[in-house]
Amino acid sequence: MEKITKMIVINSSKLLPSDVAMKLYETKDDIMVKETCFGIMVSGERAILDPLLSNIRKLDPYGIFIKERGFAPGEPFRCRATRRGGARPGFHNLETEDKILPHIASALKALDRGEIPGQKKQTKKLDIDKLKAIIKETEVSK
């Protein structure tokens, strides 16, 4: 059996991390749940976690984001207690991702409504001959 850890990042106006944690505890599955500042880390067998988290995400499909984490909670390499404090590796990246989640949520809602974004106008690259001419002009004017 494959044991995995998933990070549940909650950016919702409907739910708190504690609400999701309670739903996870209510399942009585053999999982480990840890609340964090961004949501919840949950560890367990893949066969148990994947369907469970699929149902959890249905609570707020645009406010719950789930990604696999490489280390289990308490892993000495990642744990702040064994590294004597400071931000854990990856914290700043997660903090940055958390800021863009509302934009991702609105894009997912638009896609579900059938809205297709327009084609972004492609900017033409500067022709090499034109670049050389600009360089020559600059050299002559000096």
C-alpha atoms as a PDB file:
ATOM      1  CA  MET A   1       0.000   0.000   0.000  1.00  0.00           C
ATOM      2  CA  GLU A   2       1.244   3.459  -0.942  1.00  0.00           C
ATOM      3  CA  LYS A   3       1.207   6.041   1.865  1.00  0.00           C
ATOM      4  CA  ILE A   4       0.937   9.665   0.710  1.00  0.00           C
ATOM      5  CA  THR A   5       0.467  13.143   2.142  1.00  0.00           C
ATOM      6  CA  LYS A   6      -1.768  15.761   0.568  1.00  0.00           C
ATOM      7  CA  MET A   7      -1.924  19.464   1.291  1.00  0.00           C
ATOM      8  CA  ILE A   8      -5.444  20.910   1.287  1.00  0.00           C
ATOM      9  CA  VAL A   9      -5.242  24.666   0.798  1.00  0.00           C
ATOM     10  CA  ILE A  10      -8.481  26.384   1.709  1.00  0.00           C
ATOM     11  CA  ASN A  11      -9.245  29.768   0.201  1.00  0.00           C
ATOM     12  CA  SER A  12     -12.978  29.825   0.751  1.00  0.00           C
ATOM     13  CA  SER A  13     -15.621  32.204   2.008  1.00  0.00           C
ATOM     14  CA  LYS A  14     -17.824  29.196   2.844  1.00  0.00           C
ATOM     15  CA  LEU A  15     -15.474  26.997   4.872  1.00  0.00           C
ATOM     16  CA  LEU A  16     -12.772  27.201   7.489  1.00  0.00           C
ATOM     17  CA  PRO A  17      -9.921  24.698   7.758  1.00  0.00           C
ATOM     18  CA  SER A  18     -11.539  23.450  10.988  1.00  0.00           C
ATOM     19  CA  ASP A  19     -14.758  22.636   9.066  1.00  0.00           C
ATOM     20  CA  VAL A  20     -12.827  20.482   6.617  1.00  0.00           C
ATOM     21  CA  ALA A  21     -10.802  18.897   9.437  1.00  0.00           C
ATOM     22  CA  MET A  22     -14.033  17.919  11.204  1.00  0.00           C
ATOM     23  CA  LYS A  23     -15.347  16.305   8.012  1.00  0.00           C
ATOM     24  CA  LEU A  24     -12.095  14.336   7.764  1.00  0.00           C
ATOM     25  CA  TYR A  25     -12.292  13.231  11.419  1.00  0.00           C
ATOM     26  CA  GLU A  26     -15.916  12.144  10.947  1.00  0.00           C
ATOM     27  CA  THR A  27     -14.891   9.576   8.330  1.00  0.00           C
ATOM     28  CA  LYS A  28     -13.032   7.523  10.965  1.00  0.00           C
ATOM     29  CA  ASP A  29     -10.658   6.389   8.213  1.00  0.00           C
ATOM     30  CA  ASP A  30      -7.086   5.503   9.119  1.00  0.00           C
ATOM     31  CA  ILE A  31      -5.631   8.925   8.271  1.00  0.00           C
ATOM     32  CA  MET A  32      -3.548  11.559  10.025  1.00  0.00           C
ATOM     33  CA  VAL A  33      -4.922  15.111   9.911  1.00  0.00           C
ATOM     34  CA  LYS A  34      -2.908  18.228  10.758  1.00  0.00           C
ATOM     35  CA  GLU A  35      -4.286  21.760  10.524  1.00  0.00           C
ATOM     36  CA  THR A  36      -1.909  24.418   9.186  1.00  0.00           C
ATOM     37  CA  CYS A  37      -2.138  28.147   8.567  1.00  0.00           C
ATOM     38  CA  PHE A  38      -3.173  27.525   4.934  1.00  0.00           C
ATOM     39  CA  GLY A  39      -5.429  24.548   5.428  1.00  0.00           C
ATOM     40  CA  ILE A  40      -4.781  20.922   6.278  1.00  0.00           C
ATOM     41  CA  MET A  41      -2.218  18.214   5.680  1.00  0.00           C
ATOM     42  CA  VAL A  42      -3.608  14.719   5.573  1.00  0.00           C
ATOM     43  CA  SER A  43      -1.630  11.465   5.337  1.00  0.00           C
ATOM     44  CA  GLY A  44      -2.805   7.958   4.651  1.00  0.00           C
ATOM     45  CA  GLU A  45      -3.098   5.242   2.049  1.00  0.00           C
ATOM     46  CA  ARG A  46      -3.670   6.538  -1.487  1.00  0.00           C
ATOM     47  CA  ALA A  47      -6.645   4.181  -1.911  1.00  0.00           C
ATOM     48  CA  ILE A  48      -8.329   5.858   1.072  1.00  0.00           C
ATOM     49  CA  LEU A  49      -7.240   9.486   0.500  1.00  0.00           C
ATOM     50  CA  ASP A  50      -8.013   9.950  -3.189  1.00  0.00           C
ATOM     51  CA  PRO A  51     -11.765   9.205  -3.013  1.00  0.00           C
ATOM     52  CA  LEU A  52     -12.067  10.884   0.394  1.00  0.00           C
ATOM     53  CA  LEU A  53     -10.467  14.130  -0.804  1.00  0.00           C
ATOM     54  CA  SER A  54     -12.483  14.047  -4.001  1.00  0.00           C
ATOM     55  CA  ASN A  55     -15.620  14.185  -1.822  1.00  0.00           C
ATOM     56  CA  ILE A  56     -14.113  16.852   0.458  1.00  0.00           C
ATOM     57  CA  ARG A  57     -13.403  19.084  -2.555  1.00  0.00           C
ATOM     58  CA  LYS A  58     -17.104  18.957  -3.456  1.00  0.00           C
ATOM     59  CA  LEU A  59     -17.804  21.028  -0.305  1.00  0.00           C
ATOM     60  CA  ASP A  60     -16.410  24.064  -2.173  1.00  0.00           C
ATOM     61  CA  PRO A  61     -14.938  23.171  -5.576  1.00  0.00           C
ATOM     62  CA  TYR A  62     -13.669  26.710  -6.132  1.00  0.00           C
ATOM     63  CA  GLY A  63     -12.265  27.242  -2.645  1.00  0.00           C
ATOM     64  CA  ILE A  64     -10.500  23.954  -1.887  1.00  0.00           C
ATOM     65  CA  PHE A  65      -7.258  23.160  -3.683  1.00  0.00           C
ATOM     66  CA  ILE A  66      -5.394  19.902  -3.137  1.00  0.00           C
ATOM     67  CA  LYS A  67      -1.842  18.986  -4.019  1.00  0.00           C
ATOM     68  CA  GLU A  68       0.412  16.121  -3.135  1.00  0.00           C
ATOM     69  CA  ARG A  69       3.188  16.839  -0.663  1.00  0.00           C
ATOM     70  CA  GLY A  70       6.533  15.066  -0.753  1.00  0.00           C
ATOM     71  CA  PHE A  71       6.920  14.743   3.010  1.00  0.00           C
ATOM     72  CA  ALA A  72       4.648  13.577   5.800  1.00  0.00           C
ATOM     73  CA  PRO A  73       3.874  15.936   8.696  1.00  0.00           C
ATOM     74  CA  GLY A  74       6.627  15.781  11.313  1.00  0.00           C
ATOM     75  CA  GLU A  75       9.284  14.663   8.823  1.00  0.00           C
ATOM     76  CA  PRO A  76      12.559  15.772  10.520  1.00  0.00           C
ATOM     77  CA  PHE A  77      13.942  17.305   7.317  1.00  0.00           C
ATOM     78  CA  ARG A  78      10.925  19.629   7.003  1.00  0.00           C
ATOM     79  CA  CYS A  79       9.830  20.042  10.619  1.00  0.00           C
ATOM     80  CA  ARG A  80      10.582  23.443  12.124  1.00  0.00           C
ATOM     81  CA  ALA A  81      11.028  21.941  15.593  1.00  0.00           C
ATOM     82  CA  THR A  82      14.029  19.872  14.477  1.00  0.00           C
ATOM     83  CA  ARG A  83      15.418  22.711  12.340  1.00  0.00           C
ATOM     84  CA  ARG A  84      15.160  25.199  15.238  1.00  0.00           C
ATOM     85  CA  GLY A  85      12.391  27.400  13.852  1.00  0.00           C
ATOM     86  CA  GLY A  86      12.021  29.622  10.845  1.00  0.00           C
ATOM     87  CA  ALA A  87       9.765  29.163   7.847  1.00  0.00           C
ATOM     88  CA  ARG A  88       9.616  25.621   6.562  1.00  0.00           C
ATOM     89  CA  PRO A  89      11.043  25.012   3.101  1.00  0.00           C
ATOM     90  CA  GLY A  90       8.307  25.767   0.588  1.00  0.00           C
ATOM     91  CA  PHE A  91       6.337  28.083   2.894  1.00  0.00           C
ATOM     92  CA  HIS A  92       7.050  31.221   0.864  1.00  0.00           C
ATOM     93  CA  ASN A  93       6.067  29.473  -2.366  1.00  0.00           C
ATOM     94  CA  LEU A  94       2.806  28.320  -0.773  1.00  0.00           C
ATOM     95  CA  GLU A  95       2.191  31.850   0.493  1.00  0.00           C
ATOM     96  CA  THR A  96       2.587  33.182  -3.063  1.00  0.00           C
ATOM     97  CA  GLU A  97       0.310  30.478  -4.486  1.00  0.00           C
ATOM     98  CA  ASP A  98      -2.337  31.313  -1.867  1.00  0.00           C
ATOM     99  CA  LYS A  99      -2.508  34.907  -3.143  1.00  0.00           C
ATOM    100  CA  ILE A 100      -3.442  33.824  -6.691  1.00  0.00           C
ATOM    101  CA  LEU A 101      -6.035  31.208  -5.703  1.00  0.00           C
ATOM    102  CA  PRO A 102      -8.981  33.653  -5.976  1.00  0.00           C
ATOM    103  CA  HIS A 103      -7.964  34.315  -9.599  1.00  0.00           C
ATOM    104  CA  ILE A 104      -7.752  30.595 -10.302  1.00  0.00           C
ATOM    105  CA  ALA A 105     -11.163  30.089  -8.677  1.00  0.00           C
ATOM    106  CA  SER A 106     -12.787  32.769 -10.842  1.00  0.00           C
ATOM    107  CA  ALA A 107     -11.210  31.256 -13.960  1.00  0.00           C
ATOM    108  CA  LEU A 108     -12.527  27.803 -13.019  1.00  0.00           C
ATOM    109  CA  LYS A 109     -16.014  29.251 -12.471  1.00  0.00           C
ATOM    110  CA  ALA A 110     -15.872  30.961 -15.878  1.00  0.00           C
ATOM    111  CA  LEU A 111     -14.824  27.714 -17.576  1.00  0.00           C
ATOM    112  CA  ASP A 112     -17.670  25.854 -15.870  1.00  0.00           C
ATOM    113  CA  ARG A 113     -20.095  28.500 -17.197  1.00  0.00           C
ATOM    114  CA  GLY A 114     -18.755  27.769 -20.686  1.00  0.00           C
ATOM    115  CA  GLU A 115     -16.845  30.995 -21.107  1.00  0.00           C
ATOM    116  CA  ILE A 116     -13.894  30.559 -23.392  1.00  0.00           C
ATOM    117  CA  PRO A 117     -11.155  33.151 -23.039  1.00  0.00           C
ATOM    118  CA  GLY A 118     -10.266  35.089 -26.171  1.00  0.00           C
ATOM    119  CA  GLN A 119      -6.994  34.476 -27.875  1.00  0.00           C
ATOM    120  CA  LYS A 120      -4.242  36.559 -26.413  1.00  0.00           C
ATOM    121  CA  LYS A 121      -2.633  38.775 -29.014  1.00  0.00           C
ATOM    122  CA  GLN A 122       0.807  37.466 -29.823  1.00  0.00           C
ATOM    123  CA  THR A 123       3.464  40.130 -29.922  1.00  0.00           C
ATOM    124  CA  LYS A 124       5.828  39.876 -32.826  1.00  0.00           C
ATOM    125  CA  LYS A 125       9.450  39.292 -32.005  1.00  0.00           C
ATOM    126  CA  LEU A 126      11.923  41.924 -33.052  1.00  0.00           C
ATOM    127  CA  ASP A 127      13.497  41.019 -36.367  1.00  0.00           C
ATOM    128  CA  ILE A 128      17.257  40.495 -36.061  1.00  0.00           C
ATOM    129  CA  ASP A 129      18.003  42.803 -39.032  1.00  0.00           C
ATOM    130  CA  LYS A 130      15.962  45.585 -37.435  1.00  0.00           C
ATOM    131  CA  LEU A 131      17.883  45.077 -34.167  1.00  0.00           C
ATOM    132  CA  LYS A 132      21.192  45.355 -36.019  1.00  0.00           C
ATOM    133  CA  ALA A 133      19.983  48.581 -37.683  1.00  0.00           C
ATOM    134  CA  ILE A 134      19.023  50.054 -34.301  1.00  0.00           C
ATOM    135  CA  ILE A 135      22.460  49.172 -32.921  1.00  0.00           C
ATOM    136  CA  LYS A 136      24.180  50.794 -35.900  1.00  0.00           C
ATOM    137  CA  GLU A 137      22.036  53.941 -35.492  1.00  0.00           C
ATOM    138  CA  THR A 138      22.941  54.144 -31.838  1.00  0.00           C
ATOM    139  CA  GLU A 139      26.662  53.739 -32.587  1.00  0.00           C
ATOM    140  CA  VAL A 140      26.584  56.440 -35.308  1.00  0.00           C
ATOM    141  CA  SER A 141      24.751  58.958 -33.128  1.00  0.00           C
ATOM    142  CA  LYS A 142      27.387  58.715 -30.365  1.00  0.00           C
END
